[in-house]
Every structure is written in C-alpha cells, then in structure tokens.
Amino acid sequence: MDALHWWRQGDAVTQGTALLLLAMSVASWVVIFWKMRLMHRATADVARCTAAFWQAPSLDIAAQRLPFFDREALFLPLVVAANSVANQSNPGAQATLATSGSLSQQLTRVLRDALHGALGRLQWGQVLLATVGSTAPFVGLLGTVWGIYHALSAMAGAGQITIDRVAGPVGEALVMTAAGLAVAIPAVLAYNVFGRFIGRIEADLEGFARDLRELLADTAPVQGSALGGSEPGAAGSVGA
C-alpha cells in the first residue's frame, strides 16, 4: 500500500526513474541467469573438448568428435579454421593476401579470428552488467534528489514546515537511492565473477590455439598423412 501511495504521489520524473531502474534490474538478471548457464556449460566444455581432441587419431576425426562435446561452439571454430588452412592445396588457385605467407602465419591469422569470435560470445552481456552496475546508483540518486525537491516544493506552499511533515516525503524519496544500490550490487558482483570465469576460459582457449598452431606448423610436410589419417605408415618420416 505504501508503494502504491508513493507511486501515485510521484510525478513523471519520479515514475520514469523508477521504471528505468526496474528495466535495468530485469535486464541485468536476465543476463545473469543466461551467463550462469553459459559459464557452467563452457567450463565443462573446456575439459571435455580438450580431452576429445588430443585423444583423436587425426585432425579430421577430432573435428567430427568435437560437436558432441563443444556445446557452446568454442573449440570447433578453431579446429575448422586451422584444418581449412592446413588442407588447402590447390596450386592452380589465384594467390591472395589471405593465402600468402608461411603456414604458421596463416594459422596464426585464422586462429586469432576464430578465437576472437569465441571470446566475443563469452563476453556478451558484460557491457550491460558493467553499465548497470556503474549507472544504477546515480539513477537512484537522481530519483532521490528529484523526490526531495518535489516533496519540499509541495510542503512549501502548505505553510509551516515541521520535522514530522518533512520526514515522511524525504524518507520515501530515499527509497530511490536504496533501489539504485539494489540494482547495481548484483550486476557488479556478477560482472566480476563472470569476468574471472571468462579469463580462465580465455587462457585455456589461447593455450589450445597455440598448441594447435604448433602441431600443424611442425607437421606441415606430412599433414596429409599424420593429420588426415590417409597413410599411417608415412608418419614415421617425421623423425627421419
């Protein structure tokens, strides 16, 4: 009943500020729950995909296995991009800047692009959480200041002002500051927690991409046999 009374007594600015805080809270909680699911699945995918890849006998088979473990599509784009560069062998094709340079340089380029795409999906929603966490207290403070001004202006025309008449409206206006903090605190905590998870996953993805590049670059002379799995007997030529 008090909240309904406060809503009816507020003007357009007060009501607009309250609606803005409500929208920010709903948006941040939607992102929080979505990213909780994303971080849980991505963290599990890291261990599963790494084991599935390095236990595969060839790169092609690894690319076929990963979709069953890589639910958030973090590792598969890296493998597909690297495999496309390692297997491209068309001497009659027109040379381009994308195909120029050594195999190691081409792998670095495509793996970097694929890694940025994967990290972009993990980072989704972080900007919103940071924005809500940094602006919600000030939005609430704006509502408080405007509410106090509105209350004092209304009481000024009513004659004598006493502490009893001031305490009620000012106390109601201070609720906006508390609401702003209630919106901001979960967003800030979630931003920091998710940032820590993203940092760990990013380190794992970067390490995987580096190992994958070194694997393909070092085995480039026999990539058709050792990685494609077409001629197992030729793998012994690596140590020759």
Protein backbone atom coordinates (compact mmCIF):
# COMPACT_ATOMS: atom_id res chain seq x y z
CA MET A 1 0.00 0.00 0.00
CA ASP A 2 2.88 2.38 0.81
CA ALA A 3 4.50 1.64 -2.54
CA LEU A 4 1.22 2.34 -4.34
CA HIS A 5 0.81 5.58 -2.42
CA TRP A 6 4.38 6.59 -3.29
CA TRP A 7 3.74 5.82 -6.95
CA ARG A 8 0.59 7.93 -7.04
CA GLN A 9 2.27 10.84 -5.28
CA GLY A 10 5.26 10.85 -7.63
CA ASP A 11 5.42 12.92 -10.77
CA ALA A 12 6.52 11.84 -14.26
CA VAL A 13 10.24 12.15 -13.44
CA THR A 14 9.97 10.02 -10.31
CA GLN A 15 7.89 7.38 -12.04
CA GLY A 16 10.18 7.37 -15.08
CA THR A 17 13.23 6.90 -12.85
CA ALA A 18 11.55 4.00 -11.06
CA LEU A 19 10.63 2.36 -14.35
CA LEU A 20 14.18 2.80 -15.62
CA LEU A 21 15.58 1.11 -12.52
CA LEU A 22 13.06 -1.70 -12.93
CA ALA A 23 14.07 -2.20 -16.57
CA MET A 24 17.77 -2.19 -15.64
CA SER A 25 17.15 -4.75 -12.91
CA VAL A 26 15.16 -7.08 -15.18
CA ALA A 27 17.74 -6.82 -17.97
CA SER A 28 20.67 -7.48 -15.65
CA TRP A 29 19.02 -10.50 -14.03
CA VAL A 30 18.15 -11.97 -17.41
CA VAL A 31 21.80 -11.63 -18.42
CA ILE A 32 22.98 -13.02 -15.08
CA PHE A 33 20.90 -16.19 -15.35
CA TRP A 34 21.82 -16.65 -19.02
CA LYS A 35 25.53 -16.22 -18.34
CA MET A 36 25.39 -18.57 -15.36
CA ARG A 37 24.23 -21.29 -17.73
CA LEU A 38 26.79 -20.24 -20.35
CA MET A 39 29.72 -20.25 -17.91
CA HIS A 40 28.70 -23.63 -16.49
CA ARG A 41 28.48 -25.23 -19.93
CA ALA A 42 31.61 -23.52 -21.26
CA THR A 43 33.71 -24.55 -18.26
CA ALA A 44 32.63 -28.16 -18.68
CA ASP A 45 33.21 -27.99 -22.45
CA VAL A 46 36.83 -26.91 -21.98
CA ALA A 47 37.85 -30.13 -20.25
CA ARG A 48 35.69 -32.36 -22.46
CA CYS A 49 36.80 -30.82 -25.76
CA THR A 50 40.48 -30.76 -24.86
CA ALA A 51 40.44 -34.45 -23.96
CA ALA A 52 38.38 -35.40 -27.03
CA PHE A 53 40.68 -33.51 -29.38
CA TRP A 54 44.02 -34.82 -28.18
CA GLN A 55 42.74 -38.38 -27.98
CA ALA A 56 41.62 -38.32 -31.62
CA PRO A 57 43.89 -40.13 -34.13
CA SER A 58 43.63 -37.35 -36.73
CA LEU A 59 42.50 -33.77 -37.13
CA ASP A 60 39.55 -34.75 -39.31
CA ILE A 61 38.27 -37.22 -36.73
CA ALA A 62 38.77 -34.64 -33.98
CA ALA A 63 36.64 -32.17 -35.96
CA GLN A 64 33.93 -34.83 -36.20
CA ARG A 65 34.02 -35.56 -32.47
CA LEU A 66 34.02 -32.02 -31.14
CA PRO A 67 30.37 -31.14 -31.97
CA PHE A 68 29.27 -33.75 -29.43
CA PHE A 69 31.25 -32.04 -26.65
CA ASP A 70 31.52 -28.40 -27.75
CA ARG A 71 28.01 -27.21 -26.86
CA GLU A 72 28.95 -23.52 -26.90
CA ALA A 73 31.00 -23.69 -30.12
CA LEU A 74 34.26 -22.54 -28.55
CA PHE A 75 36.73 -25.14 -29.82
CA LEU A 76 35.17 -26.32 -33.07
CA PRO A 77 35.62 -22.98 -34.93
CA LEU A 78 39.33 -23.07 -34.07
CA VAL A 79 39.75 -26.61 -35.38
CA VAL A 80 37.71 -25.99 -38.52
CA ALA A 81 39.63 -22.80 -39.33
CA ALA A 82 43.01 -24.45 -38.76
CA ASN A 83 42.02 -27.55 -40.70
CA SER A 84 40.90 -25.47 -43.69
CA VAL A 85 44.31 -23.77 -43.84
CA ALA A 86 46.26 -26.98 -43.31
CA ASN A 87 44.37 -28.85 -46.02
CA GLN A 88 44.30 -26.17 -48.69
CA SER A 89 46.44 -27.41 -51.56
CA ASN A 90 45.34 -26.01 -54.92
CA PRO A 91 48.37 -24.88 -56.92
CA GLY A 92 46.17 -23.50 -59.70
CA ALA A 93 44.22 -21.21 -57.40
CA GLN A 94 44.84 -17.49 -57.61
CA ALA A 95 47.17 -16.24 -54.89
CA THR A 96 45.67 -13.77 -52.42
CA LEU A 97 46.87 -11.96 -49.34
CA ALA A 98 44.91 -14.46 -47.23
CA THR A 99 46.93 -17.35 -48.67
CA SER A 100 50.27 -15.55 -48.70
CA GLY A 101 52.92 -16.14 -46.08
CA SER A 102 54.01 -19.29 -44.36
CA LEU A 103 51.66 -21.90 -42.97
CA SER A 104 52.43 -20.72 -39.46
CA GLN A 105 51.44 -17.15 -40.35
CA GLN A 106 48.20 -18.27 -41.97
CA LEU A 107 47.36 -20.43 -38.97
CA THR A 108 48.04 -17.56 -36.61
CA ARG A 109 45.68 -15.31 -38.57
CA VAL A 110 42.74 -17.72 -38.84
CA LEU A 111 43.09 -18.96 -35.27
CA ARG A 112 43.17 -15.40 -33.97
CA ASP A 113 39.96 -14.56 -35.84
CA ALA A 114 38.23 -17.72 -34.60
CA LEU A 115 39.42 -17.06 -31.06
CA HIS A 116 38.05 -13.51 -31.13
CA GLY A 117 34.68 -14.86 -32.24
CA ALA A 118 34.57 -17.39 -29.41
CA LEU A 119 35.60 -14.81 -26.82
CA GLY A 120 33.02 -12.39 -28.17
CA ARG A 121 30.28 -14.88 -27.34
CA LEU A 122 31.65 -15.30 -23.83
CA GLN A 123 31.86 -11.54 -23.33
CA TRP A 124 28.26 -10.97 -24.40
CA GLY A 125 26.31 -9.19 -21.66
CA GLN A 126 29.38 -7.97 -19.78
CA VAL A 127 28.93 -4.43 -21.10
CA LEU A 128 25.33 -4.36 -19.90
CA LEU A 129 26.29 -5.58 -16.42
CA ALA A 130 29.07 -3.01 -16.19
CA THR A 131 26.74 -0.24 -17.36
CA VAL A 132 24.01 -1.17 -14.90
CA GLY A 133 26.49 -1.51 -12.06
CA SER A 134 28.04 1.89 -12.69
CA THR A 135 24.92 3.93 -13.52
CA ALA A 136 22.11 2.47 -11.39
CA PRO A 137 23.26 4.19 -8.15
CA PHE A 138 23.28 7.56 -9.91
CA VAL A 139 19.87 6.92 -11.42
CA GLY A 140 18.57 6.15 -7.94
CA LEU A 141 20.28 9.26 -6.59
CA LEU A 142 18.62 11.33 -9.29
CA GLY A 143 15.26 9.96 -8.21
CA THR A 144 16.04 10.78 -4.59
CA VAL A 145 17.11 14.35 -5.30
CA TRP A 146 14.11 14.97 -7.51
CA GLY A 147 11.78 13.35 -4.96
CA ILE A 148 13.13 15.54 -2.15
CA TYR A 149 12.79 18.64 -4.30
CA HIS A 150 9.25 17.66 -5.28
CA ALA A 151 8.30 16.99 -1.65
CA LEU A 152 9.79 20.23 -0.32
CA SER A 153 8.14 22.24 -3.07
CA ALA A 154 4.78 20.73 -2.20
CA MET A 155 5.23 21.42 1.51
CA ALA A 156 6.46 24.95 0.95
CA GLY A 157 3.04 26.02 -0.24
CA ALA A 158 1.32 24.32 2.68
CA GLY A 159 2.56 26.80 5.27
CA GLN A 160 4.65 25.89 8.29
CA ILE A 161 7.13 23.02 7.80
CA THR A 162 7.81 20.68 10.71
CA ILE A 163 10.14 17.73 11.01
CA ASP A 164 7.19 15.36 11.03
CA ARG A 165 5.94 16.66 7.72
CA VAL A 166 9.42 16.52 6.17
CA ALA A 167 10.48 13.08 7.39
CA GLY A 168 7.81 11.13 5.51
CA PRO A 169 8.31 12.50 1.98
CA VAL A 170 12.10 12.64 2.33
CA GLY A 171 12.18 9.06 3.59
CA GLU A 172 10.11 7.95 0.62
CA ALA A 173 12.50 9.75 -1.73
CA LEU A 174 15.50 8.00 -0.18
CA VAL A 175 13.99 4.68 -1.24
CA MET A 176 15.13 5.51 -4.77
CA THR A 177 18.77 5.51 -3.64
CA ALA A 178 18.30 2.14 -1.98
CA ALA A 179 16.63 0.83 -5.13
CA GLY A 180 19.55 2.03 -7.24
CA LEU A 181 22.01 0.22 -4.99
CA ALA A 182 19.86 -2.92 -5.02
CA VAL A 183 20.00 -2.91 -8.81
CA ALA A 184 23.73 -2.14 -9.04
CA ILE A 185 25.19 -4.53 -6.46
CA PRO A 186 24.12 -7.82 -8.12
CA ALA A 187 25.25 -6.51 -11.51
CA VAL A 188 28.70 -5.58 -10.20
CA LEU A 189 29.16 -8.88 -8.38
CA ALA A 190 28.06 -10.85 -11.44
CA TYR A 191 30.35 -8.83 -13.70
CA ASN A 192 33.38 -9.61 -11.55
CA VAL A 193 32.53 -13.31 -11.12
CA PHE A 194 31.84 -13.83 -14.81
CA GLY A 195 34.97 -11.91 -15.71
CA ARG A 196 37.01 -14.36 -13.68
CA PHE A 197 35.40 -17.33 -15.43
CA ILE A 198 35.93 -15.73 -18.83
CA GLY A 199 39.59 -15.11 -18.02
CA ARG A 200 40.14 -18.78 -17.20
CA ILE A 201 38.35 -19.98 -20.32
CA GLU A 202 40.23 -17.45 -22.45
CA ALA A 203 43.56 -18.74 -21.12
CA ASP A 204 42.54 -22.32 -21.95
CA LEU A 205 41.41 -21.36 -25.47
CA GLU A 206 44.60 -19.41 -26.14
CA GLY A 207 46.70 -22.34 -24.96
CA PHE A 208 44.73 -24.73 -27.15
CA ALA A 209 45.06 -22.45 -30.18
CA ARG A 210 48.82 -22.13 -29.62
CA ASP A 211 49.26 -25.90 -29.31
CA LEU A 212 47.12 -26.47 -32.39
CA ARG A 213 49.14 -24.00 -34.44
CA GLU A 214 52.42 -25.59 -33.37
CA LEU A 215 51.07 -29.05 -34.14
CA LEU A 216 50.02 -28.16 -37.68
CA ALA A 217 53.05 -25.98 -38.42
CA ASP A 218 55.55 -28.61 -37.23
CA THR A 219 53.85 -31.46 -39.09
CA ALA A 220 53.18 -29.49 -42.27
CA PRO A 221 55.36 -31.75 -44.51
CA VAL A 222 53.30 -34.81 -43.57
CA GLN A 223 49.99 -33.19 -42.65
CA GLY A 224 48.16 -35.21 -45.29
CA SER A 225 49.21 -38.49 -43.69
CA ALA A 226 49.76 -37.79 -40.00
CA LEU A 227 46.77 -35.49 -39.54
CA GLY A 228 44.45 -36.59 -42.30
CA GLY A 229 44.85 -40.26 -41.46
CA SER A 230 45.21 -41.37 -45.10
CA GLU A 231 48.65 -43.04 -44.90
CA PRO A 232 49.54 -44.11 -41.35
CA GLY A 233 52.86 -45.60 -42.43
CA ALA A 234 54.17 -42.23 -43.57
CA ALA A 235 54.07 -40.82 -40.05
CA GLY A 236 57.48 -42.29 -39.35
CA SER A 237 59.08 -39.84 -41.76
CA VAL A 238 58.64 -37.05 -39.16
CA GLY A 239 61.55 -38.30 -37.14
CA ALA A 240 63.74 -39.05 -40.16
